[in-house]
Amino acid sequence: MALGCGIVIEERFLKAALKGTAYTLPSKIFVALLEVEPTHATTGTEMEETMEVQYTTYARIEVPLTEWTYTAGTSSAKGKMQNTAIVKWATPSAVGSRKVAKFFAITDAVTAGTNYFTGKLTTEQTINVSGAVEAAALALEVSAE
């Protein structure tokens, strides 16, 4: 499984930590719903074109940086970040065929952008016309794997 940090964030972190290269964090982050499991090197553009769910009103959703919580790691578990509030995507107004979101990605743009982290949804989202599309608080979890 290739879930966790995207390759770009890993490279930036290593350069910042070990070489002193300055790194500017994004001021906004967006969460994308994916039908297909991304790889470590999946780009934001590749996600958008081949992996993200597609329905008429779908768009990546901004989740404010203040709506994430960190749980420190222990000797047997890695630290993790989780969303602190329900994340709601637009309700589908039309779906050509049934979609099932199984994964999510955190990017720095509403389209394309940089893939920072990916994870598996704790509960798969079957997307139906007029159905709610949301992730409960603490349902989006990422770690630096």
Protein backbone atom coordinates (compact mmCIF):
# COMPACT_ATOMS: atom_id res chain seq x y z
CA MET A 1 0.00 0.00 0.00
CA ALA A 2 1.38 3.36 -1.01
CA LEU A 3 -0.69 5.53 1.31
CA GLY A 4 0.92 8.24 3.42
CA CYS A 5 3.21 11.04 2.24
CA GLY A 6 3.41 11.92 -1.41
CA ILE A 7 6.89 11.96 -2.91
CA VAL A 8 6.94 15.78 -3.24
CA ILE A 9 6.36 16.38 0.48
CA GLU A 10 8.98 13.76 1.38
CA GLU A 11 11.57 15.44 -0.85
CA ARG A 12 10.78 18.90 0.52
CA PHE A 13 10.96 17.68 4.11
CA LEU A 14 14.31 15.95 3.58
CA LYS A 15 15.81 19.02 1.90
CA ALA A 16 14.49 21.29 4.67
CA ALA A 17 15.60 19.04 7.52
CA LEU A 18 19.00 17.94 6.23
CA LYS A 19 20.08 20.67 3.85
CA GLY A 20 18.37 23.77 5.27
CA THR A 21 16.43 24.41 2.07
CA ALA A 22 13.52 26.77 2.82
CA TYR A 23 10.08 25.32 2.30
CA THR A 24 6.83 27.28 2.25
CA LEU A 25 3.82 25.38 3.53
CA PRO A 26 0.53 25.70 1.65
CA SER A 27 -1.91 28.27 3.01
CA LYS A 28 -4.88 26.09 2.02
CA ILE A 29 -5.41 22.37 1.62
CA PHE A 30 -8.09 20.49 -0.28
CA VAL A 31 -9.37 16.94 0.08
CA ALA A 32 -10.10 14.87 -3.02
CA LEU A 33 -12.16 11.67 -3.16
CA LEU A 34 -10.56 8.86 -5.14
CA GLU A 35 -11.95 5.66 -6.63
CA VAL A 36 -8.49 4.26 -7.37
CA GLU A 37 -5.63 3.81 -4.89
CA PRO A 38 -2.85 6.31 -5.63
CA THR A 39 0.81 5.45 -5.70
CA HIS A 40 3.59 7.19 -3.82
CA ALA A 41 4.40 9.28 -6.90
CA THR A 42 0.84 10.09 -8.04
CA THR A 43 0.57 13.74 -9.06
CA GLY A 44 -2.40 16.03 -8.49
CA THR A 45 -3.02 16.17 -12.23
CA GLU A 46 -2.90 12.38 -12.57
CA MET A 47 -5.38 12.08 -9.67
CA GLU A 48 -7.75 14.54 -11.29
CA GLU A 49 -7.64 12.83 -14.69
CA THR A 50 -7.77 9.14 -13.75
CA MET A 51 -8.53 8.54 -10.05
CA GLU A 52 -10.98 11.08 -8.63
CA VAL A 53 -14.69 10.43 -8.48
CA GLN A 54 -16.60 12.26 -11.18
CA TYR A 55 -20.13 13.57 -10.81
CA THR A 56 -21.80 16.82 -11.86
CA THR A 57 -21.34 18.82 -8.65
CA TYR A 58 -18.10 17.21 -7.39
CA ALA A 59 -15.13 19.36 -6.48
CA ARG A 60 -12.30 18.96 -4.01
CA ILE A 61 -13.25 20.52 -0.68
CA GLU A 62 -11.12 22.94 1.30
CA VAL A 63 -10.55 21.83 4.88
CA PRO A 64 -9.08 24.66 6.97
CA LEU A 65 -5.70 23.97 8.56
CA THR A 66 -7.33 24.60 11.95
CA GLU A 67 -9.63 21.59 11.45
CA TRP A 68 -6.96 18.94 11.85
CA THR A 69 -5.69 17.37 15.06
CA TYR A 70 -2.41 15.58 15.74
CA THR A 71 -2.04 12.49 17.89
CA ALA A 72 1.56 11.79 18.90
CA GLY A 73 3.10 8.47 18.11
CA THR A 74 4.20 5.87 20.63
CA SER A 75 6.80 3.14 20.59
CA SER A 76 4.30 0.91 18.76
CA ALA A 77 2.27 3.38 16.66
CA LYS A 78 3.09 6.29 14.36
CA GLY A 79 1.74 9.78 14.96
CA LYS A 80 -1.26 10.77 12.89
CA MET A 81 -3.34 13.73 11.73
CA GLN A 82 -7.14 13.54 11.57
CA ASN A 83 -9.95 15.89 10.57
CA THR A 84 -11.80 17.37 13.56
CA ALA A 85 -15.08 18.21 11.80
CA ILE A 86 -17.36 16.53 9.28
CA VAL A 87 -16.12 17.09 5.73
CA LYS A 88 -18.97 17.45 3.22
CA TRP A 89 -18.59 17.41 -0.55
CA ALA A 90 -21.37 18.70 -2.79
CA THR A 91 -24.34 16.35 -2.97
CA PRO A 92 -24.48 14.72 -6.41
CA SER A 93 -27.11 16.20 -8.69
CA ALA A 94 -26.45 13.62 -11.37
CA VAL A 95 -24.27 10.54 -11.61
CA GLY A 96 -23.75 8.72 -14.90
CA SER A 97 -22.97 5.50 -13.10
CA ARG A 98 -22.54 4.52 -9.48
CA LYS A 99 -19.24 5.65 -7.99
CA VAL A 100 -17.52 4.35 -4.89
CA ALA A 101 -14.89 6.54 -3.23
CA LYS A 102 -12.39 4.36 -1.36
CA PHE A 103 -9.44 6.71 -0.87
CA PHE A 104 -8.73 10.40 -0.35
CA ALA A 105 -5.89 12.75 -1.10
CA ILE A 106 -4.78 16.01 0.47
CA THR A 107 -3.56 18.54 -2.10
CA ASP A 108 -2.73 22.23 -2.22
CA ALA A 109 -5.15 23.11 -5.03
CA VAL A 110 -8.76 22.65 -6.04
CA THR A 111 -7.53 21.21 -9.36
CA ALA A 112 -4.24 19.48 -10.18
CA GLY A 113 -1.83 20.72 -7.47
CA THR A 114 0.64 18.79 -5.33
CA ASN A 115 -0.21 15.47 -3.70
CA TYR A 116 0.78 15.87 -0.04
CA PHE A 117 -0.87 12.89 1.64
CA THR A 118 -3.17 10.02 0.72
CA GLY A 119 -5.24 7.70 2.85
CA LYS A 120 -7.95 5.09 2.81
CA LEU A 121 -11.45 6.17 3.81
CA THR A 122 -12.56 4.44 7.02
CA THR A 123 -15.94 3.97 5.35
CA GLU A 124 -16.25 3.72 1.59
CA GLN A 125 -18.62 6.30 0.10
CA THR A 126 -21.16 4.99 -2.40
CA ILE A 127 -22.19 8.05 -4.35
CA ASN A 128 -25.82 8.11 -5.47
CA VAL A 129 -27.98 10.90 -6.90
CA SER A 130 -29.06 13.19 -4.03
CA GLY A 131 -27.05 11.15 -1.52
CA ALA A 132 -24.81 12.74 1.08
CA VAL A 133 -21.08 12.54 0.42
CA GLU A 134 -19.18 13.16 3.63
CA ALA A 135 -16.48 11.96 5.98
CA ALA A 136 -17.19 11.95 9.70
CA ALA A 137 -14.92 13.74 12.16
CA LEU A 138 -11.70 11.72 12.64
CA ALA A 139 -12.47 9.60 9.53
CA LEU A 140 -9.65 11.11 7.43
CA GLU A 141 -6.36 9.94 8.87
CA VAL A 142 -2.86 10.41 7.52
CA SER A 143 0.58 9.60 8.83
CA ALA A 144 4.07 10.04 7.45
CA GLU A 145 4.60 6.49 6.22
